[in-house]
């Protein structure tokens, strides 16, 4: 017999596995669970969405899929950081382009993606934000 505690533990373990899949670029695992009904809006205890984790970790295929499912390109985590700022911080230009094309605001969050691009001298990204 499964108890409520067992079910809660299994749900938490699954959520951690999905956050890891977003970080590691495991598109197949993440897609399988999202297609089965796991919400693309899932966030961890720090407010990081699946989109934030995939963007920060530089996985364009996952970012593209989450955006196509309706993920909010500007959804900030609990520290006010956006997926775009995370991608800029890590230098993931392709991911930043996907987010901008989806309407991400380079001035949202703290620090903003624009401020991060300027701070790290990422001219290709400051030019992207100027268009």
C-alpha atoms as a PDB file:
ATOM      1  CA  UNK A   1       0.000   0.000   0.000  1.00  0.00           C
ATOM      2  CA  UNK A   2       1.278   3.449  -0.932  1.00  0.00           C
ATOM      3  CA  UNK A   3       0.966   6.190   1.655  1.00  0.00           C
ATOM      4  CA  UNK A   4       0.501   9.907   1.050  1.00  0.00           C
ATOM      5  CA  UNK A   5       4.072  10.364   2.245  1.00  0.00           C
ATOM      6  CA  UNK A   6       5.320   7.896  -0.367  1.00  0.00           C
ATOM      7  CA  UNK A   7       3.401   9.732  -3.070  1.00  0.00           C
ATOM      8  CA  UNK A   8       4.766  13.107  -1.987  1.00  0.00           C
ATOM      9  CA  UNK A   9       8.311  11.752  -1.912  1.00  0.00           C
ATOM     10  CA  UNK A  10       7.872  10.299  -5.401  1.00  0.00           C
ATOM     11  CA  UNK A  11       6.515  13.617  -6.709  1.00  0.00           C
ATOM     12  CA  UNK A  12       9.459  15.517  -5.213  1.00  0.00           C
ATOM     13  CA  UNK A  13      11.916  13.014  -6.681  1.00  0.00           C
ATOM     14  CA  UNK A  14      10.296  13.392 -10.099  1.00  0.00           C
ATOM     15  CA  UNK A  15      10.456  17.180  -9.887  1.00  0.00           C
ATOM     16  CA  UNK A  16      14.167  17.013  -9.014  1.00  0.00           C
ATOM     17  CA  UNK A  17      14.742  14.653 -11.957  1.00  0.00           C
ATOM     18  CA  UNK A  18      12.991  17.105 -14.291  1.00  0.00           C
ATOM     19  CA  UNK A  19      15.014  20.056 -12.999  1.00  0.00           C
ATOM     20  CA  UNK A  20      18.162  17.977 -13.580  1.00  0.00           C
ATOM     21  CA  UNK A  21      16.969  17.108 -17.099  1.00  0.00           C
ATOM     22  CA  UNK A  22      16.544  20.831 -17.871  1.00  0.00           C
ATOM     23  CA  UNK A  23      20.036  21.595 -16.511  1.00  0.00           C
ATOM     24  CA  UNK A  24      21.716  18.687 -18.292  1.00  0.00           C
ATOM     25  CA  UNK A  25      19.975  19.073 -21.637  1.00  0.00           C
ATOM     26  CA  UNK A  26      18.115  15.769 -21.409  1.00  0.00           C
ATOM     27  CA  UNK A  27      15.504  16.739 -23.971  1.00  0.00           C
ATOM     28  CA  UNK A  28      14.044  13.233 -24.316  1.00  0.00           C
ATOM     29  CA  UNK A  29      13.240  12.858 -20.614  1.00  0.00           C
ATOM     30  CA  UNK A  30      11.846  16.346 -20.226  1.00  0.00           C
ATOM     31  CA  UNK A  31       9.729  16.100 -23.378  1.00  0.00           C
ATOM     32  CA  UNK A  32       8.310  12.727 -22.344  1.00  0.00           C
ATOM     33  CA  UNK A  33       7.086  14.086 -19.004  1.00  0.00           C
ATOM     34  CA  UNK A  34       5.822  17.387 -20.420  1.00  0.00           C
ATOM     35  CA  UNK A  35       3.899  15.496 -23.094  1.00  0.00           C
ATOM     36  CA  UNK A  36       2.423  13.316 -20.319  1.00  0.00           C
ATOM     37  CA  UNK A  37       1.076  16.391 -18.530  1.00  0.00           C
ATOM     38  CA  UNK A  38       3.753  17.676 -16.174  1.00  0.00           C
ATOM     39  CA  UNK A  39       3.286  21.472 -16.212  1.00  0.00           C
ATOM     40  CA  UNK A  40       5.940  23.438 -18.089  1.00  0.00           C
ATOM     41  CA  UNK A  41       5.477  26.073 -15.352  1.00  0.00           C
ATOM     42  CA  UNK A  42       7.118  23.845 -12.729  1.00  0.00           C
ATOM     43  CA  UNK A  43       9.527  25.778 -10.472  1.00  0.00           C
ATOM     44  CA  UNK A  44      11.991  24.737  -7.789  1.00  0.00           C
ATOM     45  CA  UNK A  45      12.251  26.127  -4.260  1.00  0.00           C
ATOM     46  CA  UNK A  46      14.335  29.070  -5.537  1.00  0.00           C
ATOM     47  CA  UNK A  47      11.670  29.976  -8.095  1.00  0.00           C
ATOM     48  CA  UNK A  48      13.764  28.727 -11.012  1.00  0.00           C
ATOM     49  CA  UNK A  49      11.529  27.545 -13.828  1.00  0.00           C
ATOM     50  CA  UNK A  50      12.444  24.763 -16.213  1.00  0.00           C
ATOM     51  CA  UNK A  51      13.029  27.540 -18.766  1.00  0.00           C
ATOM     52  CA  UNK A  52      15.425  29.348 -16.424  1.00  0.00           C
ATOM     53  CA  UNK A  53      17.425  26.191 -15.781  1.00  0.00           C
ATOM     54  CA  UNK A  54      17.627  25.284 -19.476  1.00  0.00           C
ATOM     55  CA  UNK A  55      18.527  28.854 -20.503  1.00  0.00           C
ATOM     56  CA  UNK A  56      21.216  29.236 -17.838  1.00  0.00           C
ATOM     57  CA  UNK A  57      22.663  25.851 -18.800  1.00  0.00           C
ATOM     58  CA  UNK A  58      22.640  26.629 -22.527  1.00  0.00           C
ATOM     59  CA  UNK A  59      20.190  24.117 -23.994  1.00  0.00           C
ATOM     60  CA  UNK A  60      18.475  25.752 -26.991  1.00  0.00           C
ATOM     61  CA  UNK A  61      16.354  22.718 -27.929  1.00  0.00           C
ATOM     62  CA  UNK A  62      14.752  22.658 -24.488  1.00  0.00           C
ATOM     63  CA  UNK A  63      14.358  26.447 -24.432  1.00  0.00           C
ATOM     64  CA  UNK A  64      12.666  26.327 -27.853  1.00  0.00           C
ATOM     65  CA  UNK A  65      10.305  23.550 -26.724  1.00  0.00           C
ATOM     66  CA  UNK A  66       9.347  25.270 -23.469  1.00  0.00           C
ATOM     67  CA  UNK A  67       8.680  28.558 -25.268  1.00  0.00           C
ATOM     68  CA  UNK A  68       6.530  26.733 -27.812  1.00  0.00           C
ATOM     69  CA  UNK A  69       4.521  25.263 -24.934  1.00  0.00           C
ATOM     70  CA  UNK A  70       3.886  28.776 -23.596  1.00  0.00           C
ATOM     71  CA  UNK A  71       6.635  29.304 -21.023  1.00  0.00           C
ATOM     72  CA  UNK A  72       7.004  32.940 -19.954  1.00  0.00           C
ATOM     73  CA  UNK A  73      10.283  34.251 -21.394  1.00  0.00           C
ATOM     74  CA  UNK A  74      10.452  36.908 -18.649  1.00  0.00           C
ATOM     75  CA  UNK A  75       9.539  34.786 -15.604  1.00  0.00           C
ATOM     76  CA  UNK A  76      11.993  35.808 -12.893  1.00  0.00           C
ATOM     77  CA  UNK A  77      13.157  33.560 -10.092  1.00  0.00           C
ATOM     78  CA  UNK A  78      12.982  34.512  -6.418  1.00  0.00           C
ATOM     79  CA  UNK A  79      16.142  36.635  -6.772  1.00  0.00           C
ATOM     80  CA  UNK A  80      14.672  38.641  -9.665  1.00  0.00           C
ATOM     81  CA  UNK A  81      16.783  36.965 -12.350  1.00  0.00           C
ATOM     82  CA  UNK A  82      15.257  36.210 -15.757  1.00  0.00           C
ATOM     83  CA  UNK A  83      16.079  33.391 -18.172  1.00  0.00           C
ATOM     84  CA  UNK A  84      17.546  35.943 -20.600  1.00  0.00           C
ATOM     85  CA  UNK A  85      19.856  37.388 -17.960  1.00  0.00           C
ATOM     86  CA  UNK A  86      20.947  33.857 -17.057  1.00  0.00           C
ATOM     87  CA  UNK A  87      21.746  33.035 -20.683  1.00  0.00           C
ATOM     88  CA  UNK A  88      23.677  36.289 -21.077  1.00  0.00           C
ATOM     89  CA  UNK A  89      25.610  35.743 -17.849  1.00  0.00           C
ATOM     90  CA  UNK A  90      26.745  32.336 -19.103  1.00  0.00           C
ATOM     91  CA  UNK A  91      27.374  33.559 -22.672  1.00  0.00           C
ATOM     92  CA  UNK A  92      24.746  31.385 -24.373  1.00  0.00           C
ATOM     93  CA  UNK A  93      24.113  33.543 -27.438  1.00  0.00           C
ATOM     94  CA  UNK A  94      21.821  31.102 -29.274  1.00  0.00           C
ATOM     95  CA  UNK A  95      19.594  30.754 -26.213  1.00  0.00           C
ATOM     96  CA  UNK A  96      19.537  34.546 -25.771  1.00  0.00           C
ATOM     97  CA  UNK A  97      18.397  34.940 -29.392  1.00  0.00           C
ATOM     98  CA  UNK A  98      15.579  32.440 -28.868  1.00  0.00           C
ATOM     99  CA  UNK A  99      14.401  34.291 -25.779  1.00  0.00           C
ATOM    100  CA  UNK A 100      14.553  37.713 -27.442  1.00  0.00           C
ATOM    101  CA  UNK A 101      12.660  36.341 -30.453  1.00  0.00           C
ATOM    102  CA  UNK A 102      10.015  35.109 -27.977  1.00  0.00           C
ATOM    103  CA  UNK A 103       9.661  38.616 -26.573  1.00  0.00           C
ATOM    104  CA  UNK A 104      11.988  38.530 -23.563  1.00  0.00           C
ATOM    105  CA  UNK A 105      12.702  42.010 -22.217  1.00  0.00           C
ATOM    106  CA  UNK A 106      16.460  42.682 -21.953  1.00  0.00           C
ATOM    107  CA  UNK A 107      15.756  45.289 -19.267  1.00  0.00           C
ATOM    108  CA  UNK A 108      13.707  42.999 -16.989  1.00  0.00           C
ATOM    109  CA  UNK A 109      15.109  41.619 -13.768  1.00  0.00           C
ATOM    110  CA  UNK A 110      18.039  42.501 -11.595  1.00  0.00           C
ATOM    111  CA  UNK A 111      20.594  42.531 -12.932  1.00  0.00           C
ATOM    112  CA  UNK A 112      19.019  42.861 -16.337  1.00  0.00           C
ATOM    113  CA  UNK A 113      20.287  40.975 -19.371  1.00  0.00           C
ATOM    114  CA  UNK A 114      21.376  44.275 -20.913  1.00  0.00           C
ATOM    115  CA  UNK A 115      23.395  45.173 -17.806  1.00  0.00           C
ATOM    116  CA  UNK A 116      25.006  41.716 -17.763  1.00  0.00           C
ATOM    117  CA  UNK A 117      25.905  41.952 -21.464  1.00  0.00           C
ATOM    118  CA  UNK A 118      27.506  45.347 -20.921  1.00  0.00           C
ATOM    119  CA  UNK A 119      29.320  44.208 -17.762  1.00  0.00           C
ATOM    120  CA  UNK A 120      30.858  41.189 -19.529  1.00  0.00           C
ATOM    121  CA  UNK A 121      31.505  42.967 -22.836  1.00  0.00           C
ATOM    122  CA  UNK A 122      29.200  40.672 -24.808  1.00  0.00           C
ATOM    123  CA  UNK A 123      28.822  43.004 -27.785  1.00  0.00           C
ATOM    124  CA  UNK A 124      26.953  40.444 -29.905  1.00  0.00           C
ATOM    125  CA  UNK A 125      24.255  40.446 -27.232  1.00  0.00           C
ATOM    126  CA  UNK A 126      24.138  44.218 -26.697  1.00  0.00           C
ATOM    127  CA  UNK A 127      23.691  44.490 -30.482  1.00  0.00           C
ATOM    128  CA  UNK A 128      20.897  41.891 -30.326  1.00  0.00           C
ATOM    129  CA  UNK A 129      19.101  43.982 -27.704  1.00  0.00           C
ATOM    130  CA  UNK A 130      19.428  47.118 -29.826  1.00  0.00           C
ATOM    131  CA  UNK A 131      17.331  45.757 -32.693  1.00  0.00           C
END
